Amino acid sequence: MANLTRLPVPIMENWEWQYDGVCRQVDPEVFFPPDSERGPVRQRRELQAKQYCEHCPVLARCREHALVVQEPYGVWGGLTPRERDRLIHAPKPGSPSTRVIKRVTKS
């Protein structure tokens, strides 16, 4: 479930970018597959959604939104939930885990 406290305040200017999304002209099921869908079928659906995202004028804004509010479902900004989760939880540059990796790889 999305953490609603991270959502922008309900002011029109914070949401109106969504009106320009290519996804508004496409069946939402392309971007939000059923929970039971797995494997190659889900991968094809995600790839199809990403192809729409490639040509979207609000791609960067959509991706930023999805990462900030940590959208748990669907393809947003050309990223699947797994891809967003990896980006959100990736070690930050200069963090202790990053320094350890650099030390190990220098040897």
N, C-alpha and C. Protein backbone atom coordinates (compact mmCIF):
# COMPACT_ATOMS: atom_id res chain seq x y z
N MET A 1 0.84 -1.18 0.00
CA MET A 1 0.00 0.00 0.00
C MET A 1 0.89 1.24 0.00
N ALA A 2 0.51 2.22 -0.78
CA ALA A 2 1.28 3.47 -0.86
C ALA A 2 1.14 4.23 0.46
N ASN A 3 2.23 4.86 0.85
CA ASN A 3 2.21 5.71 2.03
C ASN A 3 1.63 7.06 1.61
N LEU A 4 0.40 7.33 2.00
CA LEU A 4 -0.31 8.52 1.55
C LEU A 4 0.30 9.81 2.08
N THR A 5 1.09 9.73 3.13
CA THR A 5 1.70 10.95 3.67
C THR A 5 2.75 11.50 2.71
N ARG A 6 3.24 10.70 1.77
CA ARG A 6 4.23 11.17 0.80
C ARG A 6 3.58 11.79 -0.43
N LEU A 7 2.27 11.69 -0.55
CA LEU A 7 1.59 12.24 -1.72
C LEU A 7 1.60 13.77 -1.66
N PRO A 8 1.66 14.42 -2.82
CA PRO A 8 1.59 15.88 -2.84
C PRO A 8 0.25 16.36 -2.29
N VAL A 9 0.24 17.55 -1.78
CA VAL A 9 -1.02 18.12 -1.27
C VAL A 9 -2.01 18.24 -2.42
N PRO A 10 -3.30 18.22 -2.11
CA PRO A 10 -4.31 18.23 -3.18
C PRO A 10 -4.50 19.60 -3.83
N ILE A 11 -3.44 20.09 -4.43
CA ILE A 11 -3.49 21.35 -5.18
C ILE A 11 -3.31 20.98 -6.65
N MET A 12 -4.16 21.52 -7.49
CA MET A 12 -4.20 21.13 -8.90
C MET A 12 -2.83 21.15 -9.58
N GLU A 13 -2.02 22.17 -9.30
CA GLU A 13 -0.72 22.29 -9.96
C GLU A 13 0.19 21.10 -9.66
N ASN A 14 -0.02 20.43 -8.55
CA ASN A 14 0.81 19.28 -8.18
C ASN A 14 0.43 18.01 -8.94
N TRP A 15 -0.73 18.01 -9.56
CA TRP A 15 -1.21 16.81 -10.22
C TRP A 15 -1.46 16.97 -11.72
N GLU A 16 -1.57 18.20 -12.21
CA GLU A 16 -2.03 18.37 -13.59
C GLU A 16 -1.08 17.82 -14.65
N TRP A 17 0.17 17.56 -14.32
CA TRP A 17 1.09 16.94 -15.27
C TRP A 17 0.53 15.62 -15.77
N GLN A 18 -0.27 14.95 -14.94
CA GLN A 18 -0.81 13.64 -15.32
C GLN A 18 -1.75 13.73 -16.52
N TYR A 19 -2.34 14.90 -16.76
CA TYR A 19 -3.22 15.06 -17.91
C TYR A 19 -2.46 14.91 -19.23
N ASP A 20 -1.15 15.15 -19.21
CA ASP A 20 -0.35 15.08 -20.43
C ASP A 20 0.27 13.71 -20.66
N GLY A 21 0.02 12.76 -19.77
CA GLY A 21 0.62 11.43 -19.89
C GLY A 21 0.05 10.63 -21.05
N VAL A 22 0.92 9.95 -21.76
CA VAL A 22 0.51 9.06 -22.86
C VAL A 22 -0.41 7.97 -22.32
N CYS A 23 -0.19 7.58 -21.08
CA CYS A 23 -0.96 6.49 -20.47
C CYS A 23 -2.46 6.80 -20.39
N ARG A 24 -2.82 8.06 -20.45
CA ARG A 24 -4.24 8.42 -20.37
C ARG A 24 -5.02 7.93 -21.59
N GLN A 25 -4.31 7.61 -22.66
CA GLN A 25 -4.95 7.15 -23.89
C GLN A 25 -4.88 5.63 -24.05
N VAL A 26 -4.39 4.96 -23.00
CA VAL A 26 -4.15 3.51 -23.08
C VAL A 26 -4.93 2.81 -21.96
N ASP A 27 -5.33 1.59 -22.22
CA ASP A 27 -6.02 0.78 -21.21
C ASP A 27 -5.14 0.69 -19.95
N PRO A 28 -5.65 1.05 -18.78
CA PRO A 28 -4.85 1.01 -17.54
C PRO A 28 -4.28 -0.38 -17.23
N GLU A 29 -4.92 -1.44 -17.73
CA GLU A 29 -4.41 -2.78 -17.46
C GLU A 29 -3.01 -3.00 -18.04
N VAL A 30 -2.63 -2.19 -19.03
CA VAL A 30 -1.28 -2.29 -19.58
C VAL A 30 -0.27 -1.91 -18.50
N PHE A 31 -0.61 -0.92 -17.68
CA PHE A 31 0.30 -0.40 -16.66
C PHE A 31 0.10 -1.06 -15.30
N PHE A 32 -1.07 -1.64 -15.07
CA PHE A 32 -1.39 -2.25 -13.79
C PHE A 32 -1.89 -3.68 -14.00
N PRO A 33 -0.97 -4.64 -14.10
CA PRO A 33 -1.37 -6.02 -14.35
C PRO A 33 -2.06 -6.63 -13.13
N PRO A 34 -2.85 -7.68 -13.35
CA PRO A 34 -3.47 -8.38 -12.23
C PRO A 34 -2.39 -8.95 -11.30
N ASP A 35 -2.68 -9.02 -10.02
CA ASP A 35 -1.72 -9.55 -9.05
C ASP A 35 -1.30 -10.98 -9.38
N SER A 36 -2.19 -11.74 -9.98
CA SER A 36 -1.90 -13.14 -10.27
C SER A 36 -1.01 -13.34 -11.49
N GLU A 37 -0.78 -12.29 -12.27
CA GLU A 37 -0.01 -12.43 -13.50
C GLU A 37 1.48 -12.55 -13.18
N ARG A 38 2.14 -13.54 -13.77
CA ARG A 38 3.55 -13.80 -13.51
C ARG A 38 4.28 -14.14 -14.79
N GLY A 39 5.59 -14.27 -14.68
CA GLY A 39 6.44 -14.78 -15.73
C GLY A 39 6.43 -13.97 -17.01
N PRO A 40 6.56 -14.69 -18.14
CA PRO A 40 6.68 -14.03 -19.45
C PRO A 40 5.48 -13.14 -19.80
N VAL A 41 4.29 -13.53 -19.36
CA VAL A 41 3.10 -12.73 -19.67
C VAL A 41 3.22 -11.36 -19.00
N ARG A 42 3.62 -11.35 -17.74
CA ARG A 42 3.80 -10.08 -17.02
C ARG A 42 4.94 -9.27 -17.62
N GLN A 43 6.02 -9.94 -17.98
CA GLN A 43 7.17 -9.24 -18.58
C GLN A 43 6.78 -8.57 -19.89
N ARG A 44 5.98 -9.25 -20.70
CA ARG A 44 5.52 -8.66 -21.97
C ARG A 44 4.65 -7.43 -21.71
N ARG A 45 3.78 -7.54 -20.72
CA ARG A 45 2.90 -6.42 -20.39
C ARG A 45 3.73 -5.23 -19.89
N GLU A 46 4.71 -5.48 -19.04
CA GLU A 46 5.57 -4.41 -18.53
C GLU A 46 6.38 -3.77 -19.67
N LEU A 47 6.87 -4.58 -20.58
CA LEU A 47 7.61 -4.06 -21.73
C LEU A 47 6.71 -3.17 -22.59
N GLN A 48 5.48 -3.60 -22.80
CA GLN A 48 4.54 -2.80 -23.57
C GLN A 48 4.30 -1.45 -22.88
N ALA A 49 4.11 -1.46 -21.58
CA ALA A 49 3.90 -0.22 -20.83
C ALA A 49 5.12 0.69 -20.95
N LYS A 50 6.31 0.12 -20.83
CA LYS A 50 7.54 0.91 -20.94
C LYS A 50 7.68 1.53 -22.33
N GLN A 51 7.20 0.85 -23.35
CA GLN A 51 7.26 1.41 -24.70
C GLN A 51 6.39 2.65 -24.82
N TYR A 52 5.26 2.65 -24.16
CA TYR A 52 4.43 3.86 -24.13
C TYR A 52 5.17 4.97 -23.38
N CYS A 53 5.79 4.60 -22.26
CA CYS A 53 6.50 5.59 -21.44
C CYS A 53 7.64 6.27 -22.22
N GLU A 54 8.31 5.53 -23.09
CA GLU A 54 9.44 6.09 -23.85
C GLU A 54 9.05 7.35 -24.61
N HIS A 55 7.81 7.45 -25.02
CA HIS A 55 7.36 8.57 -25.85
C HIS A 55 6.51 9.56 -25.07
N CYS A 56 6.54 9.46 -23.76
CA CYS A 56 5.67 10.29 -22.94
C CYS A 56 6.35 11.62 -22.58
N PRO A 57 5.64 12.74 -22.76
CA PRO A 57 6.24 14.03 -22.46
C PRO A 57 6.42 14.30 -20.97
N VAL A 58 5.78 13.50 -20.11
CA VAL A 58 5.92 13.72 -18.66
C VAL A 58 6.66 12.56 -17.98
N LEU A 59 7.47 11.84 -18.76
CA LEU A 59 8.19 10.68 -18.22
C LEU A 59 8.98 11.02 -16.95
N ALA A 60 9.77 12.07 -17.00
CA ALA A 60 10.62 12.41 -15.85
C ALA A 60 9.78 12.77 -14.63
N ARG A 61 8.73 13.53 -14.85
CA ARG A 61 7.86 13.94 -13.73
C ARG A 61 7.15 12.73 -13.14
N CYS A 62 6.71 11.83 -13.98
CA CYS A 62 6.03 10.61 -13.55
C CYS A 62 6.97 9.73 -12.72
N ARG A 63 8.19 9.57 -13.22
CA ARG A 63 9.19 8.77 -12.52
C ARG A 63 9.51 9.38 -11.16
N GLU A 64 9.69 10.69 -11.14
CA GLU A 64 9.98 11.38 -9.87
C GLU A 64 8.85 11.16 -8.87
N HIS A 65 7.63 11.31 -9.33
CA HIS A 65 6.46 11.10 -8.46
C HIS A 65 6.48 9.68 -7.89
N ALA A 66 6.66 8.70 -8.77
CA ALA A 66 6.62 7.30 -8.34
C ALA A 66 7.70 6.99 -7.31
N LEU A 67 8.88 7.58 -7.48
CA LEU A 67 9.97 7.33 -6.53
C LEU A 67 9.74 8.06 -5.21
N VAL A 68 9.24 9.28 -5.26
CA VAL A 68 9.01 10.06 -4.03
C VAL A 68 7.92 9.44 -3.18
N VAL A 69 6.80 9.07 -3.80
CA VAL A 69 5.70 8.51 -3.02
C VAL A 69 5.81 6.99 -2.86
N GLN A 70 6.82 6.42 -3.51
CA GLN A 70 7.07 4.98 -3.46
C GLN A 70 5.83 4.19 -3.89
N GLU A 71 5.38 4.49 -5.10
CA GLU A 71 4.24 3.79 -5.68
C GLU A 71 4.50 2.28 -5.65
N PRO A 72 3.63 1.51 -5.04
CA PRO A 72 3.88 0.07 -4.94
C PRO A 72 3.39 -0.75 -6.12
N TYR A 73 2.56 -0.17 -6.99
CA TYR A 73 1.95 -0.94 -8.07
C TYR A 73 2.14 -0.27 -9.42
N GLY A 74 2.19 -1.08 -10.46
CA GLY A 74 2.15 -0.58 -11.82
C GLY A 74 3.46 -0.02 -12.33
N VAL A 75 3.46 0.24 -13.63
CA VAL A 75 4.60 0.87 -14.30
C VAL A 75 4.37 2.38 -14.26
N TRP A 76 5.30 3.09 -13.66
CA TRP A 76 5.26 4.55 -13.56
C TRP A 76 6.60 5.07 -14.04
N GLY A 77 6.59 6.05 -14.91
CA GLY A 77 7.84 6.64 -15.37
C GLY A 77 8.77 5.64 -16.01
N GLY A 78 8.21 4.62 -16.63
CA GLY A 78 9.02 3.61 -17.30
C GLY A 78 9.69 2.62 -16.37
N LEU A 79 9.27 2.58 -15.10
CA LEU A 79 9.88 1.67 -14.13
C LEU A 79 8.82 0.77 -13.51
N THR A 80 9.17 -0.49 -13.35
CA THR A 80 8.29 -1.44 -12.67
C THR A 80 8.44 -1.26 -11.16
N PRO A 81 7.55 -1.85 -10.38
CA PRO A 81 7.70 -1.76 -8.92
C PRO A 81 9.05 -2.29 -8.43
N ARG A 82 9.54 -3.38 -9.01
CA ARG A 82 10.84 -3.93 -8.59
C ARG A 82 11.98 -2.97 -8.91
N GLU A 83 11.93 -2.35 -10.08
CA GLU A 83 12.97 -1.40 -10.46
C GLU A 83 12.96 -0.17 -9.56
N ARG A 84 11.77 0.32 -9.25
CA ARG A 84 11.68 1.46 -8.33
C ARG A 84 12.20 1.10 -6.96
N ASP A 85 11.85 -0.07 -6.49
CA ASP A 85 12.30 -0.50 -5.17
C ASP A 85 13.83 -0.58 -5.11
N ARG A 86 14.45 -1.09 -6.17
CA ARG A 86 15.92 -1.16 -6.21
C ARG A 86 16.53 0.24 -6.16
N LEU A 87 15.95 1.19 -6.90
CA LEU A 87 16.47 2.56 -6.89
C LEU A 87 16.29 3.22 -5.53
N ILE A 88 15.13 3.02 -4.93
CA ILE A 88 14.84 3.64 -3.64
C ILE A 88 15.77 3.11 -2.55
N HIS A 89 16.07 1.83 -2.61
CA HIS A 89 16.88 1.21 -1.55
C HIS A 89 18.35 1.01 -1.91
N ALA A 90 18.76 1.58 -3.03
CA ALA A 90 20.17 1.47 -3.44
C ALA A 90 21.05 2.26 -2.46
N PRO A 91 22.27 1.76 -2.19
CA PRO A 91 23.17 2.52 -1.31
C PRO A 91 23.49 3.87 -1.94
N LYS A 92 23.51 4.89 -1.11
CA LYS A 92 23.83 6.24 -1.57
C LYS A 92 25.34 6.38 -1.72
N PRO A 93 25.81 7.16 -2.69
CA PRO A 93 27.26 7.38 -2.84
C PRO A 93 27.86 7.91 -1.53
N GLY A 94 28.96 7.32 -1.13
CA GLY A 94 29.63 7.75 0.10
C GLY A 94 29.12 7.07 1.35
N SER A 95 28.06 6.23 1.21
CA SER A 95 27.55 5.53 2.40
C SER A 95 28.54 4.42 2.76
N PRO A 96 28.52 3.95 4.01
CA PRO A 96 29.47 2.91 4.44
C PRO A 96 29.48 1.69 3.53
N SER A 97 28.32 1.24 3.06
CA SER A 97 28.29 0.04 2.21
C SER A 97 28.96 0.32 0.87
N THR A 98 28.86 1.53 0.35
CA THR A 98 29.52 1.90 -0.90
C THR A 98 31.03 1.92 -0.72
N ARG A 99 31.50 2.46 0.40
CA ARG A 99 32.94 2.51 0.65
C ARG A 99 33.53 1.11 0.75
N VAL A 100 32.82 0.18 1.37
CA VAL A 100 33.31 -1.20 1.49
C VAL A 100 33.43 -1.82 0.12
N ILE A 101 32.45 -1.61 -0.73
CA ILE A 101 32.49 -2.18 -2.08
C ILE A 101 33.68 -1.62 -2.85
N LYS A 102 33.93 -0.33 -2.75
CA LYS A 102 35.06 0.27 -3.44
C LYS A 102 36.38 -0.31 -2.95
N ARG A 103 36.51 -0.49 -1.63
CA ARG A 103 37.74 -1.04 -1.08
C ARG A 103 37.98 -2.46 -1.57
N VAL A 104 36.94 -3.25 -1.62
CA VAL A 104 37.07 -4.64 -2.06
C VAL A 104 37.45 -4.70 -3.53
N THR A 105 36.85 -3.85 -4.37
CA THR A 105 37.11 -3.91 -5.79
C THR A 105 38.45 -3.34 -6.17
N LYS A 106 39.08 -2.51 -5.32
CA LYS A 106 40.38 -1.93 -5.63
C LYS A 106 41.50 -2.97 -5.51
N SER A 107 41.33 -3.99 -4.71
CA SER A 107 42.39 -4.98 -4.48
C SER A 107 42.68 -5.79 -5.69
